Amino acid sequence: MAESGVGAVRVERALLSVDDKSGLADFARGLADLGVELWATRGTRQALEAAGLSARAAEELTGIGSWFGGRIKTLHPALLAGILSPSSAEGERELRERGFLRFDLVVVELYPFEKHLAEAPDATDREEYIDIGGVTLARAAAKNHTRVAIVLDPRTYGPVLEELRAASGALSAETRRNLAVEAFRRISAYDSAIARGISSPISKDDPFPPQVVFRRTSLRLRYGENPHQRSAVYTAVSAGAGLTGEPFDQIKGDPLSFTNLLDLETALATVAEFPTPSATVVKHATPCGAASAASIGEAVVRAIATDPVARYGSAVAVNRPLGAADLAGLKGVFVDLLAAPDFEPAAKAQLEKRPKIKLVRIAPRTLGPIRWEAHSALDRLLLQEVDQRQLSPNEVRLVAGSPVTAEQARSLDFAWRVVRHAKSNAIVLAQGSSTVGIGGGQPTRAKSVQLACEIAGDRAKGAVLASDAFFPFADGVEIAGKAGVRAILQPGGSVRDPEVLAMADRYRISMLFTGWRVFRH
């Protein structure tokens, strides 16, 4: 690599050895057009030749071809010396004496261990997908970044080629250093994934991994909870998950904020509870309206109607593609973020006229393998399983009042699915499959009941109520009874349950216990 300005050095010879050939031909063609001499391992060279490009075989230097079923191809002094030799007269002299060539650019893409593990989690041959040679080449080039550039991610092909063209075939010291840092980060995540992938299966008694590795994503947030707070987004790099892009596609609006993501998570989790067309309205990461109906349009109308005040500047999510006819319920309502599995062209055209709305294309998650949710406290990461437990009919026990009707039972189930996503001391009032009042985030459960009943107004008469945890006192039940609530579903287990049940009997409220809670702090 020849000097070319302060800190910049010219790329004259490149070694290419990649597993994923995506974008390789265009990148290599750009290098060749700049006069870079290309060398490649067998599979990479064949791919280049198929694209009409010429590259010299690495075997010319190593003389070993592929040993032990391909396990040893690049682990050879001829290649490593060409990468690790120092930029000095002594280094050049030793290269000449040993008959080796200097490499200025190393392009490597590792064997897809993470992808293989995700596609075949029970495979017994996963060790065969552990890359040794590629990692070694990458580490060597990253170590010697003062004169060698390492490209380990196909997404950097374009920027690297652009700089080479703009600088007469040279890369700056800053670029080489940044590429080296990214290479070491990738290798670290790769090694961590391997360690987890070949370790003993996590037991059901203790399902938490001994190590969690996070990597910063490309998503850039405007700020944190407040404009003066900076923020960043990370993704957990697990043994079964590669480095993928963002889980959603933003198709309109300003960049999402820190609080947008929190609202979006709650909104998606809530609508994911229901198999029928459903919509939810979220404000401050807690539902303020939810509904299921025969159509998405009807669900949107009902969800929005729950709380005409709280819906201002909210996030709305639905679990079906949105059509133009589904938007009637949003007329005159300021929605900050709208999420759907897809937007029909006519609906998107209408929404384009709203200058401030953010549109996000994303499907609600389905129940499946264990997922995690994280919080932080005292400079520590707190990890817990996402609550995916489902309420079964045989768990529900009538403890006061008359048996509920079939319609009330369905409405209680609906309210329970919503209340599990609301915040601390959460109370949900529902009529049929629509919420009519939601209260939460209060220091006492009675205050949450009072808030939910105030929002519901006359709609509380004949409604059902779900509570995320037990009633510690009878006052909350009394407030609900006076408002006209006819049935309550709650975990039970308070030392004052006898007083709570007596209050339910006083107002002729059917009281049912689940035996377990869905509290969210």
Protein backbone atom coordinates (compact mmCIF):
# COMPACT_ATOMS: atom_id res chain seq x y z
CA MET A 1 0.00 0.00 0.00
CA ALA A 2 1.61 3.21 -1.13
CA GLU A 3 1.41 6.48 0.81
CA SER A 4 -1.10 8.92 -0.68
CA GLY A 5 -1.42 12.07 1.42
CA VAL A 6 -1.47 12.44 5.20
CA GLY A 7 -2.64 9.11 6.66
CA ALA A 8 -4.13 7.89 3.38
CA VAL A 9 -2.67 4.87 1.64
CA ARG A 10 -3.38 3.46 -1.80
CA VAL A 11 -4.87 0.01 -2.30
CA GLU A 12 -2.83 -1.95 -4.84
CA ARG A 13 -3.58 -5.58 -4.00
CA ALA A 14 -6.69 -7.18 -2.43
CA LEU A 15 -7.46 -10.63 -1.02
CA LEU A 16 -11.08 -11.75 -1.26
CA SER A 17 -12.62 -14.71 0.56
CA VAL A 18 -16.35 -14.54 1.17
CA ASP A 19 -19.18 -16.97 1.84
CA ASP A 20 -22.05 -14.71 0.80
CA LYS A 21 -21.37 -13.53 -2.75
CA SER A 22 -24.09 -10.83 -2.72
CA GLY A 23 -22.72 -7.61 -4.19
CA LEU A 24 -19.26 -9.10 -4.56
CA ALA A 25 -19.02 -8.89 -8.36
CA ASP A 26 -19.84 -5.17 -8.50
CA PHE A 27 -17.41 -4.41 -5.69
CA ALA A 28 -14.62 -6.45 -7.27
CA ARG A 29 -15.27 -4.88 -10.66
CA GLY A 30 -14.94 -1.44 -9.09
CA LEU A 31 -11.63 -2.45 -7.51
CA ALA A 32 -10.34 -3.83 -10.81
CA ASP A 33 -11.31 -0.62 -12.62
CA LEU A 34 -9.10 1.24 -10.13
CA GLY A 35 -6.16 -1.00 -11.01
CA VAL A 36 -6.31 -3.15 -7.86
CA GLU A 37 -4.80 -6.62 -8.31
CA LEU A 38 -7.34 -9.22 -7.15
CA TRP A 39 -6.52 -12.46 -5.37
CA ALA A 40 -9.20 -14.86 -4.14
CA THR A 41 -9.80 -18.22 -2.56
CA ARG A 42 -11.28 -20.95 -4.75
CA GLY A 43 -15.05 -20.44 -4.29
CA THR A 44 -14.76 -16.67 -4.41
CA ARG A 45 -12.55 -16.77 -7.49
CA GLN A 46 -15.04 -19.03 -9.29
CA ALA A 47 -17.84 -16.57 -8.52
CA LEU A 48 -15.75 -13.70 -9.86
CA GLU A 49 -14.86 -15.58 -13.03
CA ALA A 50 -18.55 -16.40 -13.57
CA ALA A 51 -19.16 -12.65 -13.47
CA GLY A 52 -16.47 -12.07 -16.12
CA LEU A 53 -13.74 -10.93 -13.72
CA SER A 54 -10.21 -12.17 -13.42
CA ALA A 55 -8.60 -12.97 -10.07
CA ARG A 56 -5.44 -14.85 -9.17
CA ALA A 57 -5.76 -17.93 -7.00
CA ALA A 58 -4.66 -17.74 -3.39
CA GLU A 59 -3.36 -21.27 -3.86
CA GLU A 60 -0.56 -19.83 -5.99
CA LEU A 61 0.86 -18.39 -2.78
CA THR A 62 -0.09 -21.09 -0.28
CA GLY A 63 0.38 -24.16 -2.49
CA ILE A 64 -2.06 -26.12 -0.32
CA GLY A 65 -5.46 -25.70 -1.97
CA SER A 66 -8.13 -26.99 0.42
CA TRP A 67 -7.15 -29.41 3.19
CA PHE A 68 -9.22 -31.57 5.54
CA GLY A 69 -12.51 -31.03 3.77
CA GLY A 70 -11.99 -27.29 3.50
CA ARG A 71 -11.08 -26.69 7.14
CA ILE A 72 -7.69 -25.33 6.14
CA LYS A 73 -7.47 -23.02 3.14
CA THR A 74 -6.27 -19.62 4.30
CA LEU A 75 -4.37 -20.51 7.49
CA HIS A 76 -0.99 -20.13 5.83
CA PRO A 77 2.03 -17.83 6.38
CA ALA A 78 1.95 -16.70 2.74
CA LEU A 79 -1.40 -14.97 3.29
CA LEU A 80 -0.97 -13.92 6.89
CA ALA A 81 2.48 -12.47 6.25
CA GLY A 82 1.11 -10.41 3.37
CA ILE A 83 -1.48 -8.97 5.75
CA LEU A 84 0.53 -8.64 8.98
CA SER A 85 3.86 -7.42 7.60
CA PRO A 86 4.65 -3.93 8.93
CA SER A 87 4.85 -0.85 6.74
CA SER A 88 8.62 -0.52 6.93
CA ALA A 89 11.72 -1.19 4.89
CA GLU A 90 12.45 -4.23 7.06
CA GLY A 91 8.96 -5.57 6.47
CA GLU A 92 9.26 -5.15 2.73
CA ARG A 93 12.68 -6.81 2.75
CA GLU A 94 11.40 -9.86 4.62
CA LEU A 95 8.44 -10.22 2.29
CA ARG A 96 10.77 -10.26 -0.72
CA GLU A 97 13.15 -12.76 0.89
CA ARG A 98 10.32 -15.15 1.67
CA GLY A 99 8.68 -14.72 -1.70
CA PHE A 100 5.43 -13.32 -0.33
CA LEU A 101 3.19 -10.49 -1.55
CA ARG A 102 1.79 -7.57 0.42
CA PHE A 103 -2.03 -7.25 0.68
CA ASP A 104 -3.54 -3.82 1.24
CA LEU A 105 -7.22 -4.78 1.37
CA VAL A 106 -8.83 -7.90 2.83
CA VAL A 107 -12.47 -8.67 2.01
CA VAL A 108 -13.97 -11.42 4.18
CA GLU A 109 -17.52 -12.58 4.95
CA LEU A 110 -17.79 -15.21 7.67
CA TYR A 111 -19.50 -18.58 7.46
CA PRO A 112 -23.14 -17.96 8.51
CA PHE A 113 -23.07 -19.69 11.89
CA GLU A 114 -25.91 -17.57 13.29
CA LYS A 115 -28.09 -18.12 10.21
CA HIS A 116 -27.49 -21.87 10.28
CA LEU A 117 -28.38 -22.06 13.95
CA ALA A 118 -31.58 -20.05 13.42
CA GLU A 119 -32.64 -22.29 10.53
CA ALA A 120 -31.63 -25.56 12.22
CA PRO A 121 -31.56 -25.00 16.00
CA ASP A 122 -31.37 -28.74 16.68
CA ALA A 123 -28.60 -29.47 14.16
CA THR A 124 -25.74 -31.67 15.33
CA ASP A 125 -23.23 -30.38 12.75
CA ARG A 126 -23.17 -26.73 13.85
CA GLU A 127 -19.42 -26.87 14.55
CA GLU A 128 -18.87 -27.17 10.80
CA TYR A 129 -20.25 -23.63 10.41
CA ILE A 130 -17.66 -22.10 12.72
CA ASP A 131 -15.36 -19.93 10.64
CA ILE A 132 -11.65 -20.12 11.55
CA GLY A 133 -9.76 -18.93 8.46
CA GLY A 134 -12.01 -15.96 7.74
CA VAL A 135 -11.88 -14.79 11.35
CA THR A 136 -8.09 -15.13 11.34
CA LEU A 137 -7.72 -13.07 8.17
CA ALA A 138 -10.06 -10.42 9.53
CA ARG A 139 -8.29 -10.20 12.89
CA ALA A 140 -4.92 -9.92 11.17
CA ALA A 141 -6.08 -7.13 8.87
CA ALA A 142 -7.82 -5.27 11.70
CA LYS A 143 -4.70 -5.53 13.86
CA ASN A 144 -2.59 -4.06 11.06
CA HIS A 145 -5.08 -1.35 10.07
CA THR A 146 -2.32 1.25 9.94
CA ARG A 147 -1.62 -0.07 6.45
CA VAL A 148 -4.37 -2.64 5.70
CA ALA A 149 -8.12 -2.15 5.25
CA ILE A 150 -10.55 -4.88 6.32
CA VAL A 151 -14.03 -5.14 4.82
CA LEU A 152 -16.14 -7.63 6.76
CA ASP A 153 -19.66 -6.42 5.97
CA PRO A 154 -21.08 -6.34 2.41
CA ARG A 155 -23.01 -3.21 3.37
CA THR A 156 -19.70 -1.31 3.36
CA TYR A 157 -18.82 -2.26 -0.23
CA GLY A 158 -20.48 0.88 -1.59
CA PRO A 159 -18.97 3.45 0.83
CA VAL A 160 -15.49 1.92 0.54
CA LEU A 161 -15.61 1.91 -3.24
CA GLU A 162 -16.92 5.46 -3.27
CA GLU A 163 -13.98 6.68 -1.17
CA LEU A 164 -11.48 4.78 -3.29
CA ARG A 165 -12.82 6.41 -6.43
CA ALA A 166 -12.83 9.87 -4.89
CA ALA A 167 -9.28 9.53 -3.52
CA SER A 168 -7.49 7.95 -6.50
CA GLY A 169 -7.60 4.46 -4.99
CA ALA A 170 -6.68 5.45 -1.42
CA LEU A 171 -8.39 4.98 1.93
CA SER A 172 -7.92 7.36 4.83
CA ALA A 173 -6.51 6.38 8.20
CA GLU A 174 -9.88 7.15 9.78
CA THR A 175 -11.71 4.83 7.41
CA ARG A 176 -9.24 2.00 8.00
CA ARG A 177 -9.54 2.44 11.75
CA ASN A 178 -13.35 2.49 11.62
CA LEU A 179 -13.37 -0.64 9.48
CA ALA A 180 -11.05 -2.34 11.98
CA VAL A 181 -13.30 -1.41 14.90
CA GLU A 182 -16.35 -2.79 13.11
CA ALA A 183 -14.43 -5.98 12.30
CA PHE A 184 -13.48 -6.57 15.92
CA ARG A 185 -17.08 -5.92 16.98
CA ARG A 186 -18.38 -8.40 14.43
CA ILE A 187 -15.85 -11.01 15.47
CA SER A 188 -16.75 -10.51 19.13
CA ALA A 189 -20.47 -10.97 18.43
CA TYR A 190 -19.71 -13.97 16.20
CA ASP A 191 -17.62 -15.67 18.88
CA SER A 192 -20.27 -14.99 21.52
CA ALA A 193 -22.93 -16.52 19.29
CA ILE A 194 -20.78 -19.61 18.81
CA ALA A 195 -20.20 -19.96 22.56
CA ARG A 196 -23.93 -19.84 23.16
CA GLY A 197 -24.75 -21.99 20.17
CA ILE A 198 -22.58 -24.93 21.19
CA SER A 199 -23.23 -24.67 24.92
CA SER A 200 -25.63 -26.95 26.75
CA PRO A 201 -29.31 -26.14 26.20
CA ILE A 202 -30.76 -23.65 28.66
CA SER A 203 -32.91 -25.46 31.19
CA LYS A 204 -36.59 -24.71 31.72
CA ASP A 205 -35.82 -24.02 35.38
CA ASP A 206 -33.35 -21.29 34.45
CA PRO A 207 -34.04 -20.08 30.89
CA PHE A 208 -31.82 -16.99 31.04
CA PRO A 209 -28.57 -16.99 29.05
CA PRO A 210 -25.32 -16.50 30.99
CA GLN A 211 -24.37 -13.67 28.62
CA VAL A 212 -26.32 -11.21 26.51
CA VAL A 213 -24.56 -9.35 23.71
CA PHE A 214 -26.05 -6.16 22.30
CA ARG A 215 -25.13 -4.41 19.08
CA ARG A 216 -26.11 -0.90 18.08
CA THR A 217 -28.54 -0.74 15.17
CA SER A 218 -28.66 1.72 12.31
CA LEU A 219 -31.90 3.24 13.60
CA ARG A 220 -31.36 6.82 14.74
CA LEU A 221 -33.78 8.41 17.18
CA ARG A 222 -34.39 12.14 17.38
CA TYR A 223 -33.80 12.14 21.15
CA GLY A 224 -34.68 10.28 24.33
CA GLU A 225 -37.72 10.92 26.50
CA ASN A 226 -36.90 14.63 26.38
CA PRO A 227 -35.15 16.68 23.68
CA HIS A 228 -32.09 17.25 25.87
CA GLN A 229 -31.51 13.48 26.27
CA ARG A 230 -29.59 11.58 23.62
CA SER A 231 -30.58 7.99 22.88
CA ALA A 232 -29.59 4.95 20.83
CA VAL A 233 -31.14 1.64 19.80
CA TYR A 234 -29.51 -1.75 20.31
CA THR A 235 -30.48 -5.27 19.39
CA ALA A 236 -29.62 -8.44 21.24
CA VAL A 237 -27.30 -10.64 19.19
CA SER A 238 -28.35 -14.16 20.15
CA ALA A 239 -27.15 -17.56 19.06
CA GLY A 240 -30.20 -18.00 16.87
CA ALA A 241 -30.40 -14.53 15.37
CA GLY A 242 -28.13 -12.83 12.92
CA LEU A 243 -27.58 -9.11 12.48
CA THR A 244 -30.78 -8.13 10.76
CA GLY A 245 -32.29 -4.79 9.91
CA GLU A 246 -35.00 -2.96 11.80
CA PRO A 247 -38.21 -4.94 12.52
CA PHE A 248 -40.38 -2.33 10.80
CA ASP A 249 -40.55 -0.19 7.70
CA GLN A 250 -41.28 3.47 8.26
CA ILE A 251 -42.94 4.73 5.11
CA LYS A 252 -43.79 8.29 6.13
CA GLY A 253 -43.02 10.97 8.70
CA ASP A 254 -40.23 12.28 10.87
CA PRO A 255 -37.78 9.81 12.45
CA LEU A 256 -39.30 7.88 15.33
CA SER A 257 -38.57 9.01 18.85
CA PHE A 258 -37.65 7.07 21.97
CA THR A 259 -41.25 7.28 23.22
CA ASN A 260 -42.62 6.32 19.79
CA LEU A 261 -40.88 2.96 20.11
CA LEU A 262 -42.27 2.39 23.60
CA ASP A 263 -45.78 3.24 22.42
CA LEU A 264 -45.39 1.06 19.33
CA GLU A 265 -44.30 -1.94 21.41
CA THR A 266 -47.36 -1.67 23.67
CA ALA A 267 -49.75 -1.08 20.77
CA LEU A 268 -48.49 -4.09 18.82
CA ALA A 269 -48.51 -6.35 21.86
CA THR A 270 -52.11 -5.39 22.61
CA VAL A 271 -53.57 -5.98 19.13
CA ALA A 272 -51.58 -9.22 18.92
CA GLU A 273 -53.85 -10.58 21.68
CA PHE A 274 -56.79 -10.85 19.28
CA PRO A 275 -57.36 -13.11 16.25
CA THR A 276 -60.18 -10.93 14.89
CA PRO A 277 -59.74 -7.45 13.32
CA SER A 278 -58.58 -5.23 16.19
CA ALA A 279 -57.23 -1.78 16.92
CA THR A 280 -55.60 -0.21 19.94
CA VAL A 281 -54.81 3.35 20.93
CA VAL A 282 -51.75 3.95 23.12
CA LYS A 283 -50.55 7.00 24.99
CA HIS A 284 -47.51 7.08 27.27
CA ALA A 285 -46.87 3.36 26.66
CA THR A 286 -50.26 2.28 28.03
CA PRO A 287 -53.50 1.51 26.19
CA CYS A 288 -56.22 4.17 26.31
CA GLY A 289 -58.57 2.34 23.96
CA ALA A 290 -58.93 -1.04 22.29
CA ALA A 291 -61.57 -2.87 20.29
CA SER A 292 -62.23 -5.93 18.16
CA ALA A 293 -64.88 -5.92 15.46
CA ALA A 294 -66.00 -7.39 12.16
CA SER A 295 -63.75 -4.96 10.29
CA ILE A 296 -60.68 -2.89 11.01
CA GLY A 297 -62.60 0.29 10.28
CA GLU A 298 -65.18 -0.51 12.95
CA ALA A 299 -62.46 -1.54 15.42
CA VAL A 300 -60.68 1.78 14.88
CA VAL A 301 -63.89 3.75 15.53
CA ARG A 302 -64.58 1.89 18.77
CA ALA A 303 -61.01 2.05 20.04
CA ILE A 304 -60.74 5.77 19.34
CA ALA A 305 -64.09 6.37 21.09
CA THR A 306 -62.88 5.03 24.44
CA ASP A 307 -61.15 8.22 25.55
CA PRO A 308 -61.63 11.31 23.34
CA VAL A 309 -59.09 13.27 25.41
CA ALA A 310 -56.23 10.76 25.78
CA ARG A 311 -56.29 9.84 22.09
CA TYR A 312 -54.73 13.19 21.13
CA GLY A 313 -51.20 12.63 19.79
CA SER A 314 -51.48 8.89 20.31
CA ALA A 315 -50.07 5.80 18.62
CA VAL A 316 -52.60 3.55 16.90
CA ALA A 317 -51.95 -0.02 15.78
CA VAL A 318 -54.13 -2.49 13.90
CA ASN A 319 -53.65 -6.17 13.11
CA ARG A 320 -54.93 -6.11 9.52
CA PRO A 321 -53.89 -4.12 6.43
CA LEU A 322 -55.50 -0.68 6.35
CA GLY A 323 -57.77 0.34 3.52
CA ALA A 324 -59.14 3.78 2.69
CA ALA A 325 -62.54 2.91 4.17
CA ASP A 326 -60.88 2.05 7.49
CA LEU A 327 -59.69 5.62 8.03
CA ALA A 328 -63.09 7.22 8.69
CA GLY A 329 -62.68 6.82 12.44
CA LEU A 330 -59.45 8.84 12.37
CA LYS A 331 -61.03 11.89 10.73
CA GLY A 332 -60.30 14.96 12.82
CA VAL A 333 -58.15 12.98 15.28
CA PHE A 334 -54.48 13.89 15.69
CA VAL A 335 -52.59 10.59 15.53
CA ASP A 336 -48.81 10.80 15.92
CA LEU A 337 -48.03 7.25 14.79
CA LEU A 338 -50.09 4.70 12.86
CA ALA A 339 -48.90 1.10 12.51
CA ALA A 340 -50.37 -1.64 10.33
CA PRO A 341 -49.18 -4.83 8.61
CA ASP A 342 -49.66 -2.93 5.35
CA PHE A 343 -51.32 0.14 3.85
CA GLU A 344 -53.42 -0.17 0.71
CA PRO A 345 -52.46 2.43 -1.94
CA ALA A 346 -55.69 4.43 -1.51
CA ALA A 347 -55.23 4.56 2.27
CA LYS A 348 -51.61 5.59 1.93
CA ALA A 349 -52.59 8.34 -0.50
CA GLN A 350 -55.07 9.72 2.02
CA LEU A 351 -52.58 9.55 4.88
CA GLU A 352 -49.92 11.31 2.82
CA LYS A 353 -52.05 14.44 3.16
CA ARG A 354 -51.49 14.44 6.93
CA PRO A 355 -48.23 16.39 7.37
CA LYS A 356 -47.24 15.13 10.82
CA ILE A 357 -48.36 11.51 10.94
CA LYS A 358 -45.75 8.73 11.06
CA LEU A 359 -46.65 5.55 9.19
CA VAL A 360 -45.01 2.28 10.17
CA ARG A 361 -45.48 -0.99 8.31
CA ILE A 362 -45.18 -3.86 10.81
CA ALA A 363 -47.17 -6.96 11.68
CA PRO A 364 -48.02 -7.74 15.31
CA ARG A 365 -45.89 -10.44 16.86
CA THR A 366 -47.38 -13.87 17.30
CA LEU A 367 -46.95 -16.02 20.37
CA GLY A 368 -43.94 -18.28 20.03
CA PRO A 369 -40.50 -18.94 21.47
CA ILE A 370 -39.45 -17.18 24.65
CA ARG A 371 -38.90 -13.48 24.15
CA TRP A 372 -37.29 -11.08 26.54
CA GLU A 373 -38.01 -7.57 27.71
CA ALA A 374 -35.44 -5.42 29.44
CA HIS A 375 -35.36 -2.58 31.95
CA SER A 376 -32.50 -0.95 33.78
CA ALA A 377 -31.99 -0.10 37.43
CA LEU A 378 -28.95 0.75 39.55
CA ASP A 379 -26.69 0.51 36.47
CA ARG A 380 -27.86 -3.06 35.95
CA LEU A 381 -29.80 -4.70 33.13
CA LEU A 382 -33.01 -6.40 34.27
CA LEU A 383 -34.26 -9.14 31.95
CA GLN A 384 -37.55 -11.00 32.15
CA GLU A 385 -39.69 -13.21 29.96
CA VAL A 386 -42.41 -11.46 27.99
CA ASP A 387 -45.75 -12.37 29.58
CA GLN A 388 -47.35 -14.76 27.11
CA ARG A 389 -49.40 -16.81 29.56
CA GLN A 390 -52.95 -17.31 28.35
CA LEU A 391 -56.01 -17.42 30.58
CA SER A 392 -57.92 -20.70 30.30
CA PRO A 393 -61.60 -21.03 31.24
CA ASN A 394 -60.90 -23.67 33.91
CA GLU A 395 -58.74 -21.18 35.80
CA VAL A 396 -61.60 -18.71 36.27
CA ARG A 397 -63.49 -19.24 39.52
CA LEU A 398 -66.78 -17.58 40.49
CA VAL A 399 -66.45 -16.31 44.07
CA ALA A 400 -69.35 -13.85 44.41
CA GLY A 401 -72.65 -13.07 42.73
CA SER A 402 -74.45 -14.86 39.93
CA PRO A 403 -72.76 -16.77 37.10
CA VAL A 404 -71.88 -14.49 34.22
CA THR A 405 -73.58 -14.74 30.87
CA ALA A 406 -71.73 -16.01 27.81
CA GLU A 407 -71.54 -12.45 26.51
CA GLN A 408 -70.10 -11.19 29.81
CA ALA A 409 -67.56 -14.02 29.81
CA ARG A 410 -66.35 -13.01 26.37
CA SER A 411 -66.18 -9.37 27.41
CA LEU A 412 -64.21 -10.24 30.55
CA ASP A 413 -61.74 -12.23 28.46
CA PHE A 414 -61.38 -9.21 26.15
CA ALA A 415 -60.81 -6.84 29.08
CA TRP A 416 -58.24 -9.21 30.62
CA ARG A 417 -56.24 -9.26 27.37
CA VAL A 418 -56.13 -5.46 27.36
CA VAL A 419 -55.45 -4.89 31.07
CA ARG A 420 -52.27 -6.98 30.94
CA HIS A 421 -50.72 -4.27 28.74
CA ALA A 422 -51.78 -1.28 30.84
CA LYS A 423 -49.60 0.10 33.62
CA SER A 424 -49.61 -0.53 37.39
CA ASN A 425 -52.93 -0.72 39.22
CA ALA A 426 -54.52 -1.12 35.81
CA ILE A 427 -58.29 -1.24 35.41
CA VAL A 428 -60.15 -1.87 32.15
CA LEU A 429 -63.90 -1.44 31.66
CA ALA A 430 -65.40 -3.08 28.59
CA GLN A 431 -68.72 -3.43 26.83
CA GLY A 432 -68.68 -6.37 24.46
CA SER A 433 -65.34 -6.33 22.64
CA SER A 434 -64.65 -2.62 23.16
CA THR A 435 -63.06 -0.76 26.04
CA VAL A 436 -65.12 2.07 27.50
CA GLY A 437 -62.73 3.19 30.21
CA ILE A 438 -59.13 2.51 31.22
CA GLY A 439 -57.39 3.65 34.37
CA GLY A 440 -53.84 2.98 35.47
CA GLY A 441 -50.56 4.41 36.68
CA GLN A 442 -52.21 5.49 39.93
CA PRO A 443 -50.80 5.02 43.46
CA THR A 444 -53.99 3.23 44.56
CA ARG A 445 -56.29 0.79 42.78
CA ALA A 446 -59.34 2.76 43.88
CA LYS A 447 -58.00 5.82 42.03
CA SER A 448 -57.58 3.74 38.86
CA VAL A 449 -61.17 2.46 39.14
CA GLN A 450 -62.41 5.99 39.66
CA LEU A 451 -60.47 7.19 36.60
CA ALA A 452 -61.76 4.37 34.41
CA CYS A 453 -65.35 4.99 35.51
CA GLU A 454 -65.05 8.73 34.90
CA ILE A 455 -63.79 8.09 31.37
CA ALA A 456 -66.60 5.58 30.74
CA GLY A 457 -69.37 7.79 32.14
CA ASP A 458 -72.77 6.25 31.37
CA ARG A 459 -71.01 3.49 29.45
CA ALA A 460 -69.94 2.01 32.79
CA LYS A 461 -73.53 0.85 33.40
CA GLY A 462 -73.65 -2.83 32.59
CA ALA A 463 -69.92 -2.96 31.80
CA VAL A 464 -67.45 -5.59 32.97
CA LEU A 465 -64.15 -4.81 34.69
CA ALA A 466 -60.74 -6.49 34.62
CA SER A 467 -58.05 -5.70 37.20
CA ASP A 468 -54.39 -6.56 36.69
CA ALA A 469 -53.93 -7.45 40.39
CA PHE A 470 -56.07 -8.04 43.46
CA PHE A 471 -58.13 -5.39 45.24
CA PRO A 472 -56.35 -4.65 48.53
CA PHE A 473 -59.47 -2.92 49.86
CA ALA A 474 -63.17 -2.95 49.11
CA ASP A 475 -63.25 0.74 48.06
CA GLY A 476 -62.40 0.06 44.42
CA VAL A 477 -65.26 -2.44 44.12
CA GLU A 478 -67.61 0.07 45.73
CA ILE A 479 -66.70 2.73 43.15
CA ALA A 480 -67.29 0.22 40.34
CA GLY A 481 -70.60 -0.86 41.84
CA LYS A 482 -71.89 2.70 42.11
CA ALA A 483 -70.94 3.28 38.44
CA GLY A 484 -73.00 0.25 37.35
CA VAL A 485 -70.30 -2.37 36.67
CA ARG A 486 -71.90 -5.85 36.61
CA ALA A 487 -68.91 -8.25 36.63
CA ILE A 488 -65.28 -8.11 37.79
CA LEU A 489 -62.38 -10.37 36.86
CA GLN A 490 -59.35 -10.12 39.14
CA PRO A 491 -56.56 -12.38 40.46
CA GLY A 492 -57.78 -12.49 44.08
CA GLY A 493 -55.47 -13.29 46.97
CA SER A 494 -55.85 -10.19 49.15
CA VAL A 495 -56.00 -10.64 52.93
CA ARG A 496 -59.17 -8.55 52.69
CA ASP A 497 -60.84 -10.71 50.06
CA PRO A 498 -63.82 -11.34 52.41
CA GLU A 499 -64.49 -7.58 52.56
CA VAL A 500 -64.04 -7.28 48.79
CA LEU A 501 -66.48 -10.13 48.13
CA ALA A 502 -69.00 -8.67 50.57
CA MET A 503 -68.89 -5.38 48.66
CA ALA A 504 -69.43 -7.25 45.39
CA ASP A 505 -72.49 -8.96 46.88
CA ARG A 506 -73.77 -5.60 48.12
CA TYR A 507 -73.82 -4.22 44.55
CA ARG A 508 -74.83 -7.56 42.98
CA ILE A 509 -71.54 -7.76 41.07
CA SER A 510 -70.39 -11.13 39.77
CA MET A 511 -66.81 -11.56 40.99
CA LEU A 512 -64.40 -14.00 39.40
CA PHE A 513 -60.82 -14.90 40.40
CA THR A 514 -58.07 -15.96 38.00
CA GLY A 515 -55.49 -16.92 40.64
CA TRP A 516 -52.66 -15.07 38.88
CA ARG A 517 -51.88 -11.47 38.05
CA VAL A 518 -50.72 -9.49 35.00
CA PHE A 519 -49.17 -6.50 36.74
CA ARG A 520 -46.90 -4.13 34.79
CA HIS A 521 -44.83 -1.54 36.61
